[in-house]
C-alpha cells in the first residue's frame, strides 16, 4: 500500500512538472532559479484554481463589466476636440488589435480624460481604458498598440474576471445582485496584477500587436520611456515643475509599484523578439492623431 501511495505521489509530481513546463512561454536558464520560478508558477496557478472551477461565463463577465463601466465616470461634461480625436484614435487602434484576441468579446476602448493619468486598465468583459497622460508619453502608434494588447490580454486570460471574483469574496458581495458591484472601487483595476500576470500580458500583448501589423519594438521603446521616467522623476525626485505635475508623479509611483521593473520587462520583450525572429520588424509608425475642428468643435 505504501509503495502504491509513493508511486502515485511521484506520478502526480511528474505530471505536474510536465504540465507547468509546457505552460511556460519562455525558457529558464539551468540554475537554482529554475526551481524557484517553477515553484512560483505552481503557487500562482494553484491560487487561481478555485476561480477556474467557478469561472464566470462570458455572458456573466460581460454583464459585470458593463455594470462596472457605468459606475466609473471617466469622461468630463466638456470634451475638447483634441480629446475626442484621441479617443477616436484609441478606438481605431484598439479595434484592430482586438480582432486577434482569443476570446470573441465585445471589446470597447475609452480615453480617460486626465493628463495626470499615466496608466491604462481594463475591466471584465471587454472595456479597456487608456489615460491621456500615458498617450502624452507615446512616440509611436506601435506603443499604443502594445499597451492596448497588454490590457486586452488581461481580459483574454481571465485576469480581470478572476479579480472581480476575488474582490466579491473579500467584500462578501453577491455578483448576481444588481448594485453589489458599486462596492468595488476603480482603484482595484488601476492597481495592476501580480508579477506573473503582468509579464504574461506583456508577452501576449506583444503578439497581438505583431499580428495586427505593428512592431514588437513598440513595447521595448515604451519600456525605455518608463525606465527613464523612473530614473529621472521617481528615484531622483526632480522638481515636478519641469515637465510632470505632482499628481502625475504620484501616479507614476503607483504604476511602478504595481508593475515589474522596466528593465525586466525590456529583457523579456527582447527575449520574445529573439524567440519569434522578429528582429527585422523595427520600423514603428508615428503617433498620429487626425482631427478637424470647426469653430472650436470636433468634426468627424
Protein backbone atom coordinates (compact mmCIF):
# COMPACT_ATOMS: atom_id res chain seq x y z
CA UNK A 1 0.00 0.00 0.00
CA UNK A 2 2.80 2.39 0.94
CA UNK A 3 4.57 1.65 -2.35
CA UNK A 4 1.39 2.40 -4.27
CA UNK A 5 0.95 5.71 -2.45
CA UNK A 6 4.59 6.64 -3.06
CA UNK A 7 4.30 5.76 -6.75
CA UNK A 8 1.13 7.82 -7.07
CA UNK A 9 2.84 10.82 -5.42
CA UNK A 10 5.80 10.59 -7.78
CA UNK A 11 3.45 10.26 -10.75
CA UNK A 12 1.47 13.36 -9.71
CA UNK A 13 4.65 15.40 -9.25
CA UNK A 14 5.93 14.25 -12.64
CA UNK A 15 2.72 15.11 -14.45
CA UNK A 16 2.58 18.49 -12.70
CA UNK A 17 6.16 19.23 -13.73
CA UNK A 18 5.39 18.36 -17.36
CA UNK A 19 2.21 20.43 -17.31
CA UNK A 20 3.78 23.57 -15.91
CA UNK A 21 6.85 23.08 -18.03
CA UNK A 22 4.70 23.12 -21.16
CA UNK A 23 2.76 26.16 -19.95
CA UNK A 24 5.81 28.39 -19.65
CA UNK A 25 6.23 30.76 -22.58
CA UNK A 26 9.90 31.47 -22.00
CA UNK A 27 12.84 29.20 -21.26
CA UNK A 28 14.63 29.44 -17.90
CA UNK A 29 18.42 29.04 -17.64
CA UNK A 30 19.67 25.95 -15.82
CA UNK A 31 20.21 27.11 -12.24
CA UNK A 32 18.55 27.21 -8.82
CA UNK A 33 16.36 29.97 -10.26
CA UNK A 34 14.58 27.37 -12.38
CA UNK A 35 13.30 25.67 -9.22
CA UNK A 36 12.25 28.99 -7.71
CA UNK A 37 10.44 30.08 -10.88
CA UNK A 38 8.68 26.72 -11.22
CA UNK A 39 7.55 26.97 -7.60
CA UNK A 40 6.27 30.50 -8.24
CA UNK A 41 4.36 29.29 -11.32
CA UNK A 42 2.80 26.43 -9.34
CA UNK A 43 1.84 28.74 -6.48
CA UNK A 44 0.25 31.25 -8.86
CA UNK A 45 -1.72 28.62 -10.74
CA UNK A 46 -2.85 26.85 -7.57
CA UNK A 47 -4.16 30.18 -6.20
CA UNK A 48 -6.21 30.61 -9.39
CA UNK A 49 -7.64 27.06 -9.41
CA UNK A 50 -10.75 27.90 -7.31
CA UNK A 51 -11.61 30.69 -9.74
CA UNK A 52 -11.29 28.31 -12.67
CA UNK A 53 -13.71 25.82 -11.17
CA UNK A 54 -16.27 28.59 -10.66
CA UNK A 55 -15.31 30.71 -13.67
CA UNK A 56 -17.83 33.24 -14.87
CA UNK A 57 -19.44 32.59 -18.23
CA UNK A 58 -18.72 35.12 -20.97
CA UNK A 59 -22.29 36.43 -20.67
CA UNK A 60 -21.90 36.95 -16.91
CA UNK A 61 -18.49 38.56 -17.33
CA UNK A 62 -19.75 40.97 -20.00
CA UNK A 63 -22.73 41.98 -17.83
CA UNK A 64 -20.47 42.60 -14.82
CA UNK A 65 -18.03 44.62 -16.93
CA UNK A 66 -20.85 46.78 -18.27
CA UNK A 67 -22.12 47.45 -14.74
CA UNK A 68 -18.64 48.45 -13.59
CA UNK A 69 -18.18 50.71 -16.62
CA UNK A 70 -21.43 52.52 -15.80
CA UNK A 71 -20.37 53.27 -12.23
CA UNK A 72 -16.95 54.70 -13.14
CA UNK A 73 -17.42 58.19 -14.62
CA UNK A 74 -14.24 58.80 -16.62
CA UNK A 75 -15.50 61.40 -19.10
CA UNK A 76 -15.92 65.09 -18.45
CA UNK A 77 -19.00 67.05 -19.43
CA UNK A 78 -16.94 69.19 -21.76
CA UNK A 79 -14.66 67.32 -24.15
CA UNK A 80 -12.09 69.19 -26.20
CA UNK A 81 -11.61 68.50 -29.90
CA UNK A 82 -8.17 67.06 -29.07
CA UNK A 83 -9.64 64.63 -26.54
CA UNK A 84 -12.31 63.49 -28.99
CA UNK A 85 -9.62 62.91 -31.59
CA UNK A 86 -7.50 60.97 -29.07
CA UNK A 87 -10.45 58.77 -28.13
CA UNK A 88 -11.15 58.10 -31.79
CA UNK A 89 -7.50 57.17 -32.26
CA UNK A 90 -7.51 54.81 -29.26
CA UNK A 91 -10.72 53.21 -30.52
CA UNK A 92 -9.36 52.73 -34.04
CA UNK A 93 -6.11 51.10 -32.95
CA UNK A 94 -7.94 49.06 -30.29
CA UNK A 95 -10.43 47.64 -32.78
CA UNK A 96 -7.58 46.45 -35.00
CA UNK A 97 -5.72 44.79 -32.12
CA UNK A 98 -8.86 43.19 -30.62
CA UNK A 99 -9.52 41.30 -33.87
CA UNK A 100 -6.67 38.95 -32.90
CA UNK A 101 -7.78 38.26 -29.32
CA UNK A 102 -8.56 34.64 -28.48
CA UNK A 103 -11.89 35.39 -26.85
CA UNK A 104 -14.58 36.98 -29.02
CA UNK A 105 -15.85 39.57 -26.58
CA UNK A 106 -17.39 42.99 -27.30
CA UNK A 107 -14.16 44.92 -26.71
CA UNK A 108 -14.52 48.68 -26.42
CA UNK A 109 -11.84 51.33 -25.95
CA UNK A 110 -12.01 54.56 -24.00
CA UNK A 111 -9.89 57.60 -23.23
CA UNK A 112 -9.50 58.65 -19.60
CA UNK A 113 -9.58 62.44 -19.87
CA UNK A 114 -6.87 63.15 -17.33
CA UNK A 115 -3.33 64.19 -18.25
CA UNK A 116 -2.11 63.03 -14.84
CA UNK A 117 -3.37 59.50 -15.63
CA UNK A 118 -0.19 57.78 -16.81
CA UNK A 119 -1.71 54.33 -16.85
CA UNK A 120 -4.15 52.02 -18.63
CA UNK A 121 -6.51 49.42 -17.23
CA UNK A 122 -9.23 47.00 -18.27
CA UNK A 123 -12.49 45.64 -16.88
CA UNK A 124 -14.02 42.16 -17.18
CA UNK A 125 -15.89 41.57 -20.40
CA UNK A 126 -14.03 43.90 -22.73
CA UNK A 127 -13.76 47.53 -21.58
CA UNK A 128 -10.24 48.98 -21.99
CA UNK A 129 -9.19 52.44 -20.76
CA UNK A 130 -6.08 54.44 -21.67
CA UNK A 131 -5.05 57.51 -19.70
CA UNK A 132 -4.44 60.77 -21.52
CA UNK A 133 -1.17 61.21 -19.61
CA UNK A 134 0.08 57.88 -20.94
CA UNK A 135 -0.72 58.92 -24.50
CA UNK A 136 1.28 62.11 -23.94
CA UNK A 137 4.38 59.97 -23.40
CA UNK A 138 4.00 57.90 -26.56
CA UNK A 139 6.06 58.49 -29.68
CA UNK A 140 4.67 55.74 -31.92
CA UNK A 141 1.39 54.03 -32.75
CA UNK A 142 3.12 50.72 -32.08
CA UNK A 143 3.46 51.70 -28.42
CA UNK A 144 -0.27 52.35 -28.25
CA UNK A 145 -0.98 49.01 -29.96
CA UNK A 146 1.16 47.21 -27.39
CA UNK A 147 -0.49 48.91 -24.39
CA UNK A 148 -3.92 48.05 -25.76
CA UNK A 149 -2.77 44.49 -26.47
CA UNK A 150 -1.47 44.23 -22.90
CA UNK A 151 -4.84 45.30 -21.48
CA UNK A 152 -6.81 43.06 -23.86
CA UNK A 153 -4.73 40.12 -22.64
CA UNK A 154 -5.66 40.87 -19.02
CA UNK A 155 -9.22 40.25 -20.19
CA UNK A 156 -8.35 37.46 -22.63
CA UNK A 157 -6.53 35.44 -19.94
CA UNK A 158 -9.30 35.93 -17.34
CA UNK A 159 -7.14 38.11 -15.06
CA UNK A 160 -9.98 40.66 -14.82
CA UNK A 161 -12.70 38.05 -14.35
CA UNK A 162 -10.75 36.33 -11.58
CA UNK A 163 -10.05 39.69 -9.93
CA UNK A 164 -13.75 40.53 -9.71
CA UNK A 165 -14.47 37.08 -8.23
CA UNK A 166 -11.74 37.53 -5.62
CA UNK A 167 -12.99 41.02 -4.76
CA UNK A 168 -16.54 39.69 -4.43
CA UNK A 169 -15.37 37.06 -1.96
CA UNK A 170 -13.26 39.51 0.05
CA UNK A 171 -16.12 42.02 0.24
CA UNK A 172 -18.83 39.37 0.65
CA UNK A 173 -20.62 40.53 -2.49
CA UNK A 174 -23.21 38.63 -4.47
CA UNK A 175 -22.35 39.22 -8.13
CA UNK A 176 -25.88 38.26 -9.10
CA UNK A 177 -27.46 41.13 -7.18
CA UNK A 178 -27.82 44.40 -9.06
CA UNK A 179 -25.83 47.20 -7.47
CA UNK A 180 -23.49 44.95 -5.48
CA UNK A 181 -20.52 45.89 -7.66
CA UNK A 182 -20.68 49.51 -6.58
CA UNK A 183 -18.52 48.50 -3.61
CA UNK A 184 -15.56 47.68 -5.87
CA UNK A 185 -13.58 50.92 -6.32
CA UNK A 186 -11.92 51.95 -9.55
CA UNK A 187 -8.50 51.73 -7.88
CA UNK A 188 -8.82 47.94 -7.84
CA UNK A 189 -8.45 47.89 -11.64
CA UNK A 190 -5.80 50.61 -11.82
CA UNK A 191 -3.58 48.78 -9.33
CA UNK A 192 -2.32 46.12 -11.73
CA UNK A 193 -1.90 42.38 -11.21
CA UNK A 194 0.73 40.08 -9.81
CA UNK A 195 4.13 39.93 -11.49
CA UNK A 196 3.42 36.73 -13.39
CA UNK A 197 0.17 38.04 -14.84
CA UNK A 198 1.73 41.37 -15.81
CA UNK A 199 4.60 39.65 -17.64
CA UNK A 200 2.11 37.28 -19.29
CA UNK A 201 0.10 40.27 -20.52
CA UNK A 202 3.34 41.82 -21.83
CA UNK A 203 4.25 38.71 -23.83
CA UNK A 204 0.80 38.09 -25.25
CA UNK A 205 0.16 41.80 -25.81
CA UNK A 206 3.28 41.94 -27.98
CA UNK A 207 1.97 39.02 -30.03
CA UNK A 208 -1.39 40.73 -30.53
CA UNK A 209 0.39 43.89 -31.69
CA UNK A 210 2.58 41.97 -34.15
CA UNK A 211 -0.42 40.04 -35.51
CA UNK A 212 -2.06 43.44 -36.05
CA UNK A 213 0.85 44.63 -38.19
CA UNK A 214 2.79 46.57 -35.55
CA UNK A 215 6.42 46.38 -34.50
CA UNK A 216 7.28 44.44 -31.32
CA UNK A 217 9.80 47.17 -30.61
CA UNK A 218 6.88 49.41 -29.67
CA UNK A 219 6.91 47.56 -26.32
CA UNK A 220 10.67 47.97 -25.94
CA UNK A 221 10.68 51.69 -26.73
CA UNK A 222 7.77 52.31 -24.34
CA UNK A 223 9.51 50.42 -21.52
CA UNK A 224 12.61 52.53 -22.18
CA UNK A 225 10.49 55.66 -21.69
CA UNK A 226 9.16 54.19 -18.43
CA UNK A 227 12.71 53.39 -17.32
CA UNK A 228 13.84 56.95 -17.98
CA UNK A 229 10.87 58.38 -16.09
CA UNK A 230 11.51 56.06 -13.17
CA UNK A 231 15.12 57.18 -13.04
CA UNK A 232 14.53 60.90 -13.52
CA UNK A 233 11.37 61.54 -11.55
CA UNK A 234 10.91 58.73 -9.08
CA UNK A 235 14.43 57.84 -7.97
CA UNK A 236 15.95 61.32 -8.16
CA UNK A 237 12.70 63.17 -7.38
CA UNK A 238 13.31 66.08 -9.70
CA UNK A 239 11.17 69.16 -9.45
CA UNK A 240 7.64 68.45 -10.72
CA UNK A 241 7.55 71.88 -12.36
CA UNK A 242 9.99 70.68 -15.05
CA UNK A 243 7.61 68.50 -17.03
CA UNK A 244 5.30 66.44 -14.83
CA UNK A 245 2.79 67.58 -12.23
CA UNK A 246 2.99 66.32 -8.65
CA UNK A 247 -0.21 64.35 -9.27
CA UNK A 248 1.32 62.68 -12.32
CA UNK A 249 4.43 61.75 -10.32
CA UNK A 250 2.24 60.18 -7.64
CA UNK A 251 0.50 58.20 -10.38
CA UNK A 252 3.84 57.04 -11.71
CA UNK A 253 4.92 55.90 -8.25
CA UNK A 254 1.78 53.78 -8.05
CA UNK A 255 2.31 52.39 -11.54
CA UNK A 256 5.91 51.36 -10.88
CA UNK A 257 4.95 49.85 -7.55
CA UNK A 258 2.32 47.61 -9.15
CA UNK A 259 4.25 46.56 -12.27
CA UNK A 260 7.52 44.67 -12.81
CA UNK A 261 10.72 46.65 -13.21
CA UNK A 262 11.09 48.23 -16.65
CA UNK A 263 14.49 46.54 -17.03
CA UNK A 264 12.86 43.14 -16.51
CA UNK A 265 10.11 43.93 -18.98
CA UNK A 266 12.66 45.10 -21.57
CA UNK A 267 14.67 41.90 -21.10
CA UNK A 268 11.58 39.74 -21.57
CA UNK A 269 10.46 41.73 -24.63
CA UNK A 270 13.85 41.33 -26.30
CA UNK A 271 13.80 37.62 -25.44
CA UNK A 272 10.38 37.17 -27.09
CA UNK A 273 11.58 39.11 -30.16
CA UNK A 274 14.57 36.78 -30.47
CA UNK A 275 12.49 33.63 -29.95
CA UNK A 276 9.92 34.70 -32.56
CA UNK A 277 12.59 36.00 -35.01
CA UNK A 278 11.00 39.46 -35.08
CA UNK A 279 14.32 41.34 -35.20
CA UNK A 280 13.63 42.71 -38.69
CA UNK A 281 10.36 44.39 -37.60
CA UNK A 282 11.96 47.51 -36.18
CA UNK A 283 10.10 50.24 -38.06
CA UNK A 284 7.50 51.93 -35.87
CA UNK A 285 4.60 54.00 -37.14
CA UNK A 286 4.44 57.63 -35.99
CA UNK A 287 1.94 58.53 -33.30
CA UNK A 288 -0.50 60.48 -35.42
CA UNK A 289 -3.82 61.86 -34.27
CA UNK A 290 -6.01 63.17 -37.05
CA UNK A 291 -8.89 65.53 -36.41
CA UNK A 292 -10.57 68.57 -37.79
CA UNK A 293 -12.11 71.42 -35.88
CA UNK A 294 -14.81 73.82 -36.91
CA UNK A 295 -15.49 76.83 -34.68
CA UNK A 296 -13.61 75.05 -31.90
CA UNK A 297 -15.68 71.87 -32.14
CA UNK A 298 -14.55 68.43 -33.23
CA UNK A 299 -15.79 67.34 -36.64
CA UNK A 300 -15.66 63.70 -37.71
